[in-house]
All heavy atoms as atom14 arrays in JSON, in Angstrom:
{
  "sequence": "VETWPYRAVADAMEVIPRTLVQNSGGNAIRVLTELRAKHANGEH",
  "atom14_mask": [
    [1, 1, 1, 1, 1, 1, 1, 0, 0, 0, 0, 0, 0, 0],
    [1, 1, 1, 1, 1, 1, 1, 1, 1, 0, 0, 0, 0, 0],
    [1, 1, 1, 1, 1, 1, 1, 0, 0, 0, 0, 0, 0, 0],
    [1, 1, 1, 1, 1, 1, 1, 1, 1, 1, 1, 1, 1, 1],
    [1, 1, 1, 1, 1, 1, 1, 0, 0, 0, 0, 0, 0, 0],
    [1, 1, 1, 1, 1, 1, 1, 1, 1, 1, 1, 1, 0, 0],
    [1, 1, 1, 1, 1, 1, 1, 1, 1, 1, 1, 0, 0, 0],
    [1, 1, 1, 1, 1, 0, 0, 0, 0, 0, 0, 0, 0, 0],
    [1, 1, 1, 1, 1, 1, 1, 0, 0, 0, 0, 0, 0, 0],
    [1, 1, 1, 1, 1, 0, 0, 0, 0, 0, 0, 0, 0, 0],
    [1, 1, 1, 1, 1, 1, 1, 1, 0, 0, 0, 0, 0, 0],
    [1, 1, 1, 1, 1, 0, 0, 0, 0, 0, 0, 0, 0, 0],
    [1, 1, 1, 1, 1, 1, 1, 1, 0, 0, 0, 0, 0, 0],
    [1, 1, 1, 1, 1, 1, 1, 1, 1, 0, 0, 0, 0, 0],
    [1, 1, 1, 1, 1, 1, 1, 0, 0, 0, 0, 0, 0, 0],
    [1, 1, 1, 1, 1, 1, 1, 1, 0, 0, 0, 0, 0, 0],
    [1, 1, 1, 1, 1, 1, 1, 0, 0, 0, 0, 0, 0, 0],
    [1, 1, 1, 1, 1, 1, 1, 1, 1, 1, 1, 0, 0, 0],
    [1, 1, 1, 1, 1, 1, 1, 0, 0, 0, 0, 0, 0, 0],
    [1, 1, 1, 1, 1, 1, 1, 1, 0, 0, 0, 0, 0, 0],
    [1, 1, 1, 1, 1, 1, 1, 0, 0, 0, 0, 0, 0, 0],
    [1, 1, 1, 1, 1, 1, 1, 1, 1, 0, 0, 0, 0, 0],
    [1, 1, 1, 1, 1, 1, 1, 1, 0, 0, 0, 0, 0, 0],
    [1, 1, 1, 1, 1, 1, 0, 0, 0, 0, 0, 0, 0, 0],
    [1, 1, 1, 1, 0, 0, 0, 0, 0, 0, 0, 0, 0, 0],
    [1, 1, 1, 1, 0, 0, 0, 0, 0, 0, 0, 0, 0, 0],
    [1, 1, 1, 1, 1, 1, 1, 1, 0, 0, 0, 0, 0, 0],
    [1, 1, 1, 1, 1, 0, 0, 0, 0, 0, 0, 0, 0, 0],
    [1, 1, 1, 1, 1, 1, 1, 1, 0, 0, 0, 0, 0, 0],
    [1, 1, 1, 1, 1, 1, 1, 1, 1, 1, 1, 0, 0, 0],
    [1, 1, 1, 1, 1, 1, 1, 0, 0, 0, 0, 0, 0, 0],
    [1, 1, 1, 1, 1, 1, 1, 1, 0, 0, 0, 0, 0, 0],
    [1, 1, 1, 1, 1, 1, 1, 0, 0, 0, 0, 0, 0, 0],
    [1, 1, 1, 1, 1, 1, 1, 1, 1, 0, 0, 0, 0, 0],
    [1, 1, 1, 1, 1, 1, 1, 1, 0, 0, 0, 0, 0, 0],
    [1, 1, 1, 1, 1, 1, 1, 1, 1, 1, 1, 0, 0, 0],
    [1, 1, 1, 1, 1, 0, 0, 0, 0, 0, 0, 0, 0, 0],
    [1, 1, 1, 1, 1, 1, 1, 1, 1, 0, 0, 0, 0, 0],
    [1, 1, 1, 1, 1, 1, 1, 1, 1, 1, 0, 0, 0, 0],
    [1, 1, 1, 1, 1, 0, 0, 0, 0, 0, 0, 0, 0, 0],
    [1, 1, 1, 1, 1, 1, 1, 1, 0, 0, 0, 0, 0, 0],
    [1, 1, 1, 1, 0, 0, 0, 0, 0, 0, 0, 0, 0, 0],
    [1, 1, 1, 1, 1, 1, 1, 1, 1, 0, 0, 0, 0, 0],
    [1, 1, 1, 1, 1, 1, 1, 1, 1, 1, 0, 0, 0, 0]
  ],
  "atom14_positions": [
    [[35.29, 45.21, 8.79], [35.31, 45.77, 7.44], [33.97, 45.65, 6.73], [33.65, 46.47, 5.89], [36.41, 45.07, 6.62], [36.63, 45.73, 5.27], [37.71, 45.02, 7.32], [0.0, 0.0, 0.0], [0.0, 0.0, 0.0], [0.0, 0.0, 0.0], [0.0, 0.0, 0.0], [0.0, 0.0, 0.0], [0.0, 0.0, 0.0], [0.0, 0.0, 0.0]],
    [[33.22, 44.61, 7.11], [31.92, 44.38, 6.44], [30.93, 45.54, 6.63], [29.98, 45.66, 5.9], [31.28, 43.07, 6.9], [31.91, 41.83, 6.29], [31.13, 40.56, 6.72], [30.14, 40.72, 7.44], [31.53, 39.49, 6.31], [0.0, 0.0, 0.0], [0.0, 0.0, 0.0], [0.0, 0.0, 0.0], [0.0, 0.0, 0.0], [0.0, 0.0, 0.0]],
    [[31.18, 46.34, 7.67], [30.26, 47.43, 7.95], [30.11, 48.43, 6.81], [29.05, 48.88, 6.53], [30.71, 48.24, 9.17], [31.14, 47.3, 10.21], [29.64, 49.09, 9.8], [0.0, 0.0, 0.0], [0.0, 0.0, 0.0], [0.0, 0.0, 0.0], [0.0, 0.0, 0.0], [0.0, 0.0, 0.0], [0.0, 0.0, 0.0], [0.0, 0.0, 0.0]],
    [[31.24, 48.67, 6.06], [31.14, 49.67, 4.99], [30.26, 49.17, 3.85], [29.35, 49.93, 3.46], [32.6, 49.96, 4.47], [33.45, 50.57, 5.5], [34.52, 49.95, 6.19], [33.36, 51.86, 6.1], [35.08, 50.77, 7.13], [34.37, 51.99, 7.06], [32.52, 52.94, 5.9], [34.54, 53.12, 7.86], [32.69, 54.06, 6.6], [33.68, 54.15, 7.55]],
    [[30.53, 48.01, 3.33], [29.59, 47.55, 2.21], [28.12, 47.4, 2.68], [27.22, 47.61, 1.92], [30.21, 46.22, 1.71], [31.32, 45.9, 2.62], [31.67, 47.08, 3.43], [0.0, 0.0, 0.0], [0.0, 0.0, 0.0], [0.0, 0.0, 0.0], [0.0, 0.0, 0.0], [0.0, 0.0, 0.0], [0.0, 0.0, 0.0], [0.0, 0.0, 0.0]],
    [[27.97, 47.04, 3.97], [26.63, 46.87, 4.51], [25.88, 48.2, 4.46], [24.75, 48.29, 4.03], [26.74, 46.38, 5.97], [25.48, 46.05, 6.63], [24.91, 44.78, 6.55], [24.76, 47.01, 7.39], [23.72, 44.41, 7.13], [23.58, 46.66, 8.05], [23.04, 45.39, 7.92], [21.88, 45.05, 8.52], [0.0, 0.0, 0.0], [0.0, 0.0, 0.0]],
    [[26.64, 49.28, 4.82], [26.06, 50.65, 4.79], [25.85, 51.07, 3.35], [24.95, 51.88, 3.04], [27.01, 51.64, 5.49], [26.89, 51.52, 7.02], [27.6, 52.62, 7.65], [27.27, 52.59, 9.11], [28.07, 53.04, 10.05], [29.22, 53.6, 9.77], [27.66, 53.02, 11.31], [0.0, 0.0, 0.0], [0.0, 0.0, 0.0], [0.0, 0.0, 0.0]],
    [[26.69, 50.56, 2.43], [26.56, 50.93, 1.01], [25.22, 50.51, 0.46], [24.54, 51.23, -0.28], [27.7, 50.33, 0.17], [0.0, 0.0, 0.0], [0.0, 0.0, 0.0], [0.0, 0.0, 0.0], [0.0, 0.0, 0.0], [0.0, 0.0, 0.0], [0.0, 0.0, 0.0], [0.0, 0.0, 0.0], [0.0, 0.0, 0.0], [0.0, 0.0, 0.0]],
    [[24.78, 49.3, 0.93], [23.41, 48.8, 0.46], [22.35, 49.74, 0.99], [21.38, 50.08, 0.38], [23.2, 47.34, 0.98], [21.8, 46.9, 0.6], [24.2, 46.39, 0.31], [0.0, 0.0, 0.0], [0.0, 0.0, 0.0], [0.0, 0.0, 0.0], [0.0, 0.0, 0.0], [0.0, 0.0, 0.0], [0.0, 0.0, 0.0], [0.0, 0.0, 0.0]],
    [[22.51, 50.17, 2.31], [21.53, 51.09, 2.93], [21.48, 52.36, 2.18], [20.38, 52.89, 1.93], [21.95, 51.31, 4.41], [0.0, 0.0, 0.0], [0.0, 0.0, 0.0], [0.0, 0.0, 0.0], [0.0, 0.0, 0.0], [0.0, 0.0, 0.0], [0.0, 0.0, 0.0], [0.0, 0.0, 0.0], [0.0, 0.0, 0.0], [0.0, 0.0, 0.0]],
    [[22.65, 52.89, 1.75], [22.6, 54.16, 0.98], [21.97, 53.91, -0.41], [21.24, 54.78, -0.89], [24.07, 54.63, 0.78], [24.63, 55.14, 2.05], [23.91, 55.57, 2.97], [25.92, 55.16, 2.21], [0.0, 0.0, 0.0], [0.0, 0.0, 0.0], [0.0, 0.0, 0.0], [0.0, 0.0, 0.0], [0.0, 0.0, 0.0], [0.0, 0.0, 0.0]],
    [[22.25, 52.74, -1.02], [21.73, 52.5, -2.35], [20.26, 52.47, -2.37], [19.58, 52.81, -3.38], [22.34, 51.17, -2.88], [0.0, 0.0, 0.0], [0.0, 0.0, 0.0], [0.0, 0.0, 0.0], [0.0, 0.0, 0.0], [0.0, 0.0, 0.0], [0.0, 0.0, 0.0], [0.0, 0.0, 0.0], [0.0, 0.0, 0.0], [0.0, 0.0, 0.0]],
    [[19.64, 51.97, -1.28], [18.17, 51.82, -1.23], [17.45, 53.18, -1.41], [16.35, 53.21, -1.87], [17.72, 51.25, 0.16], [18.02, 49.8, 0.23], [17.11, 48.81, -0.91], [18.05, 47.35, -0.92], [0.0, 0.0, 0.0], [0.0, 0.0, 0.0], [0.0, 0.0, 0.0], [0.0, 0.0, 0.0], [0.0, 0.0, 0.0], [0.0, 0.0, 0.0]],
    [[18.17, 54.27, -1.03], [17.55, 55.57, -1.18], [17.39, 56.02, -2.6], [16.76, 57.03, -2.88], [18.38, 56.63, -0.41], [18.3, 56.48, 1.1], [18.99, 57.59, 1.84], [19.4, 58.56, 1.17], [19.05, 57.55, 3.08], [0.0, 0.0, 0.0], [0.0, 0.0, 0.0], [0.0, 0.0, 0.0], [0.0, 0.0, 0.0], [0.0, 0.0, 0.0]],
    [[17.91, 55.25, -3.56], [17.87, 55.68, -4.95], [16.41, 55.75, -5.46], [16.07, 56.56, -6.28], [18.78, 54.84, -5.86], [18.15, 53.44, -6.06], [18.95, 55.49, -7.19], [0.0, 0.0, 0.0], [0.0, 0.0, 0.0], [0.0, 0.0, 0.0], [0.0, 0.0, 0.0], [0.0, 0.0, 0.0], [0.0, 0.0, 0.0], [0.0, 0.0, 0.0]],
    [[15.53, 54.82, -4.98], [14.21, 54.76, -5.44], [13.42, 56.03, -5.03], [12.89, 56.73, -5.91], [13.47, 53.46, -4.99], [14.23, 52.22, -5.45], [12.03, 53.46, -5.46], [14.13, 51.92, -6.94], [0.0, 0.0, 0.0], [0.0, 0.0, 0.0], [0.0, 0.0, 0.0], [0.0, 0.0, 0.0], [0.0, 0.0, 0.0], [0.0, 0.0, 0.0]],
    [[13.3, 56.37, -3.73], [12.63, 57.62, -3.43], [13.28, 58.84, -4.04], [12.58, 59.77, -4.51], [12.67, 57.71, -1.88], [13.63, 56.61, -1.42], [13.65, 55.64, -2.51], [0.0, 0.0, 0.0], [0.0, 0.0, 0.0], [0.0, 0.0, 0.0], [0.0, 0.0, 0.0], [0.0, 0.0, 0.0], [0.0, 0.0, 0.0], [0.0, 0.0, 0.0]],
    [[14.64, 58.84, -4.15], [15.33, 60.01, -4.73], [14.89, 60.18, -6.19], [14.61, 61.26, -6.67], [16.82, 59.84, -4.61], [17.6, 61.11, -5.05], [19.07, 60.96, -5.15], [19.66, 60.01, -4.19], [20.37, 58.99, -4.47], [20.7, 58.74, -5.77], [20.91, 58.21, -3.56], [0.0, 0.0, 0.0], [0.0, 0.0, 0.0], [0.0, 0.0, 0.0]],
    [[14.91, 59.05, -6.93], [14.52, 59.1, -8.34], [13.08, 59.56, -8.53], [12.75, 60.35, -9.42], [14.72, 57.72, -9.01], [16.03, 57.3, -8.76], [14.48, 57.78, -10.49], [0.0, 0.0, 0.0], [0.0, 0.0, 0.0], [0.0, 0.0, 0.0], [0.0, 0.0, 0.0], [0.0, 0.0, 0.0], [0.0, 0.0, 0.0], [0.0, 0.0, 0.0]],
    [[12.18, 59.12, -7.62], [10.78, 59.51, -7.69], [10.67, 61.03, -7.53], [9.91, 61.74, -8.25], [9.98, 58.81, -6.62], [9.53, 57.4, -6.88], [8.97, 56.75, -5.64], [8.53, 57.33, -8.03], [0.0, 0.0, 0.0], [0.0, 0.0, 0.0], [0.0, 0.0, 0.0], [0.0, 0.0, 0.0], [0.0, 0.0, 0.0], [0.0, 0.0, 0.0]],
    [[11.42, 61.59, -6.57], [11.38, 63.03, -6.34], [11.95, 63.77, -7.57], [11.34, 64.75, -8.04], [12.21, 63.4, -5.06], [12.19, 64.92, -4.9], [11.62, 62.73, -3.87], [0.0, 0.0, 0.0], [0.0, 0.0, 0.0], [0.0, 0.0, 0.0], [0.0, 0.0, 0.0], [0.0, 0.0, 0.0], [0.0, 0.0, 0.0], [0.0, 0.0, 0.0]],
    [[13.09, 63.29, -8.1], [13.7, 63.93, -9.26], [12.84, 63.92, -10.44], [12.67, 64.95, -11.14], [15.06, 63.27, -9.58], [16.14, 63.61, -8.53], [17.36, 62.72, -8.71], [17.3, 61.69, -9.36], [18.44, 63.09, -8.07], [0.0, 0.0, 0.0], [0.0, 0.0, 0.0], [0.0, 0.0, 0.0], [0.0, 0.0, 0.0], [0.0, 0.0, 0.0]],
    [[12.15, 62.81, -10.69], [11.27, 62.69, -11.9], [10.07, 63.57, -11.79], [9.46, 63.93, -12.81], [10.85, 61.23, -12.11], [11.98, 60.39, -12.64], [13.05, 60.87, -12.97], [11.77, 59.06, -12.71], [0.0, 0.0, 0.0], [0.0, 0.0, 0.0], [0.0, 0.0, 0.0], [0.0, 0.0, 0.0], [0.0, 0.0, 0.0], [0.0, 0.0, 0.0]],
    [[9.63, 63.86, -10.54], [8.44, 64.77, -10.42], [8.87, 66.22, -10.27], [8.02, 67.05, -10.03], [7.61, 64.3, -9.23], [8.4, 64.38, -8.06], [0.0, 0.0, 0.0], [0.0, 0.0, 0.0], [0.0, 0.0, 0.0], [0.0, 0.0, 0.0], [0.0, 0.0, 0.0], [0.0, 0.0, 0.0], [0.0, 0.0, 0.0], [0.0, 0.0, 0.0]],
    [[10.15, 66.48, -10.42], [10.65, 67.87, -10.39], [10.77, 68.49, -9.03], [10.76, 69.69, -8.84], [0.0, 0.0, 0.0], [0.0, 0.0, 0.0], [0.0, 0.0, 0.0], [0.0, 0.0, 0.0], [0.0, 0.0, 0.0], [0.0, 0.0, 0.0], [0.0, 0.0, 0.0], [0.0, 0.0, 0.0], [0.0, 0.0, 0.0], [0.0, 0.0, 0.0]],
    [[10.91, 67.66, -7.96], [11.01, 68.18, -6.59], [12.44, 68.36, -6.18], [13.35, 68.1, -6.95], [0.0, 0.0, 0.0], [0.0, 0.0, 0.0], [0.0, 0.0, 0.0], [0.0, 0.0, 0.0], [0.0, 0.0, 0.0], [0.0, 0.0, 0.0], [0.0, 0.0, 0.0], [0.0, 0.0, 0.0], [0.0, 0.0, 0.0], [0.0, 0.0, 0.0]],
    [[12.59, 68.86, -4.94], [13.96, 69.09, -4.37], [14.35, 67.81, -3.65], [13.88, 67.57, -2.52], [13.91, 70.26, -3.42], [15.26, 70.62, -2.86], [16.09, 69.74, -2.73], [15.47, 71.87, -2.48], [0.0, 0.0, 0.0], [0.0, 0.0, 0.0], [0.0, 0.0, 0.0], [0.0, 0.0, 0.0], [0.0, 0.0, 0.0], [0.0, 0.0, 0.0]],
    [[15.25, 67.03, -4.22], [15.61, 65.71, -3.73], [16.17, 65.77, -2.29], [15.78, 65.0, -1.41], [16.56, 65.0, -4.66], [0.0, 0.0, 0.0], [0.0, 0.0, 0.0], [0.0, 0.0, 0.0], [0.0, 0.0, 0.0], [0.0, 0.0, 0.0], [0.0, 0.0, 0.0], [0.0, 0.0, 0.0], [0.0, 0.0, 0.0], [0.0, 0.0, 0.0]],
    [[17.1, 66.7, -2.05], [17.8, 66.73, -0.74], [16.81, 67.06, 0.39], [16.77, 66.34, 1.36], [18.94, 67.8, -0.78], [19.99, 67.31, -1.79], [19.59, 67.95, 0.58], [21.06, 68.37, -2.07], [0.0, 0.0, 0.0], [0.0, 0.0, 0.0], [0.0, 0.0, 0.0], [0.0, 0.0, 0.0], [0.0, 0.0, 0.0], [0.0, 0.0, 0.0]],
    [[16.0, 68.09, 0.19], [15.03, 68.48, 1.22], [14.01, 67.36, 1.51], [13.76, 67.01, 2.65], [14.3, 69.73, 0.8], [13.33, 70.26, 1.87], [12.67, 71.54, 1.48], [13.59, 72.59, 1.21], [13.34, 73.59, 0.34], [12.24, 73.66, -0.32], [14.28, 74.54, 0.17], [0.0, 0.0, 0.0], [0.0, 0.0, 0.0], [0.0, 0.0, 0.0]],
    [[13.43, 66.8, 0.42], [12.36, 65.77, 0.64], [12.94, 64.52, 1.29], [12.33, 63.99, 2.14], [11.77, 65.43, -0.8], [10.79, 64.27, -0.65], [11.01, 66.65, -1.36], [0.0, 0.0, 0.0], [0.0, 0.0, 0.0], [0.0, 0.0, 0.0], [0.0, 0.0, 0.0], [0.0, 0.0, 0.0], [0.0, 0.0, 0.0], [0.0, 0.0, 0.0]],
    [[14.16, 64.09, 0.83], [14.74, 62.88, 1.4], [15.06, 63.14, 2.92], [14.96, 62.16, 3.71], [16.02, 62.45, 0.63], [15.75, 61.76, -0.65], [17.07, 61.31, -1.27], [14.83, 60.5, -0.47], [0.0, 0.0, 0.0], [0.0, 0.0, 0.0], [0.0, 0.0, 0.0], [0.0, 0.0, 0.0], [0.0, 0.0, 0.0], [0.0, 0.0, 0.0]],
    [[15.52, 64.28, 3.27], [15.84, 64.58, 4.7], [14.56, 64.44, 5.53], [14.53, 63.87, 6.59], [16.44, 66.04, 4.82], [17.5, 66.09, 3.95], [16.91, 66.22, 6.25], [0.0, 0.0, 0.0], [0.0, 0.0, 0.0], [0.0, 0.0, 0.0], [0.0, 0.0, 0.0], [0.0, 0.0, 0.0], [0.0, 0.0, 0.0], [0.0, 0.0, 0.0]],
    [[13.43, 65.04, 4.99], [12.14, 64.99, 5.74], [11.75, 63.48, 5.87], [11.26, 63.03, 6.9], [11.04, 65.75, 4.98], [11.18, 67.21, 5.01], [10.13, 67.91, 4.1], [9.1, 67.27, 3.87], [10.38, 69.05, 3.69], [0.0, 0.0, 0.0], [0.0, 0.0, 0.0], [0.0, 0.0, 0.0], [0.0, 0.0, 0.0], [0.0, 0.0, 0.0]],
    [[11.88, 62.73, 4.75], [11.44, 61.36, 4.73], [12.24, 60.51, 5.66], [11.72, 59.66, 6.42], [11.57, 60.79, 3.32], [10.93, 59.43, 3.01], [9.43, 59.43, 3.35], [11.08, 59.08, 1.52], [0.0, 0.0, 0.0], [0.0, 0.0, 0.0], [0.0, 0.0, 0.0], [0.0, 0.0, 0.0], [0.0, 0.0, 0.0], [0.0, 0.0, 0.0]],
    [[13.56, 60.79, 5.7], [14.47, 60.03, 6.62], [14.04, 60.3, 8.09], [14.05, 59.35, 8.9], [15.92, 60.45, 6.36], [16.92, 59.35, 6.39], [18.29, 59.76, 6.03], [18.56, 59.83, 4.66], [18.97, 60.95, 3.99], [19.17, 62.07, 4.65], [19.18, 60.95, 2.69], [0.0, 0.0, 0.0], [0.0, 0.0, 0.0], [0.0, 0.0, 0.0]],
    [[13.71, 61.5, 8.37], [13.34, 61.87, 9.72], [12.06, 61.14, 10.14], [11.94, 60.6, 11.26], [13.1, 63.36, 9.83], [0.0, 0.0, 0.0], [0.0, 0.0, 0.0], [0.0, 0.0, 0.0], [0.0, 0.0, 0.0], [0.0, 0.0, 0.0], [0.0, 0.0, 0.0], [0.0, 0.0, 0.0], [0.0, 0.0, 0.0], [0.0, 0.0, 0.0]],
    [[11.09, 61.08, 9.26], [9.84, 60.3, 9.51], [10.15, 58.85, 9.83], [9.56, 58.24, 10.78], [8.9, 60.42, 8.31], [8.26, 61.77, 8.08], [7.06, 61.9, 8.98], [6.35, 63.29, 8.74], [5.44, 63.59, 9.84], [0.0, 0.0, 0.0], [0.0, 0.0, 0.0], [0.0, 0.0, 0.0], [0.0, 0.0, 0.0], [0.0, 0.0, 0.0]],
    [[10.99, 58.22, 8.97], [11.28, 56.79, 9.17], [12.08, 56.6, 10.4], [11.98, 55.51, 11.07], [12.0, 56.29, 7.91], [11.06, 55.94, 6.77], [10.51, 54.72, 6.59], [10.56, 56.71, 5.79], [9.7, 54.74, 5.53], [9.74, 55.94, 5.04], [0.0, 0.0, 0.0], [0.0, 0.0, 0.0], [0.0, 0.0, 0.0], [0.0, 0.0, 0.0]],
    [[12.97, 57.52, 10.76], [13.75, 57.37, 12.01], [12.83, 57.35, 13.26], [13.11, 56.76, 14.24], [14.76, 58.52, 12.12], [0.0, 0.0, 0.0], [0.0, 0.0, 0.0], [0.0, 0.0, 0.0], [0.0, 0.0, 0.0], [0.0, 0.0, 0.0], [0.0, 0.0, 0.0], [0.0, 0.0, 0.0], [0.0, 0.0, 0.0], [0.0, 0.0, 0.0]],
    [[11.65, 58.02, 13.12], [10.69, 58.0, 14.23], [9.79, 56.73, 14.16], [8.82, 56.66, 14.92], [9.8, 59.27, 14.14], [10.57, 60.53, 14.52], [11.57, 60.43, 15.17], [10.05, 61.66, 14.07], [0.0, 0.0, 0.0], [0.0, 0.0, 0.0], [0.0, 0.0, 0.0], [0.0, 0.0, 0.0], [0.0, 0.0, 0.0], [0.0, 0.0, 0.0]],
    [[10.09, 55.89, 13.22], [9.29, 54.59, 13.15], [8.05, 54.74, 12.34], [7.17, 53.84, 12.33], [0.0, 0.0, 0.0], [0.0, 0.0, 0.0], [0.0, 0.0, 0.0], [0.0, 0.0, 0.0], [0.0, 0.0, 0.0], [0.0, 0.0, 0.0], [0.0, 0.0, 0.0], [0.0, 0.0, 0.0], [0.0, 0.0, 0.0], [0.0, 0.0, 0.0]],
    [[7.88, 55.89, 11.61], [6.65, 56.03, 10.71], [7.01, 55.44, 9.34], [7.3, 56.22, 8.43], [6.25, 57.47, 10.69], [5.87, 58.06, 12.03], [5.54, 59.54, 11.94], [4.82, 59.93, 10.98], [6.0, 60.3, 12.82], [0.0, 0.0, 0.0], [0.0, 0.0, 0.0], [0.0, 0.0, 0.0], [0.0, 0.0, 0.0], [0.0, 0.0, 0.0]],
    [[6.91, 54.12, 9.22], [7.39, 53.48, 8.03], [6.46, 53.53, 6.82], [6.82, 53.07, 5.77], [7.69, 52.01, 8.34], [8.76, 51.83, 9.32], [10.0, 52.46, 9.18], [8.85, 51.07, 10.47], [10.78, 52.11, 10.2], [10.1, 51.3, 11.0], [0.0, 0.0, 0.0], [0.0, 0.0, 0.0], [0.0, 0.0, 0.0], [0.0, 0.0, 0.0]]
  ]
}
């Protein structure tokens, strides 16, 4: 059962990059998808 709240923290972390994109007037969904792909490849 702990897996769900553990993932919730992982999802919550995305709020910082999402808010940065929103405040600069960008497209949050597209930019976060690109960013996630970069990090999945180990480009931290």
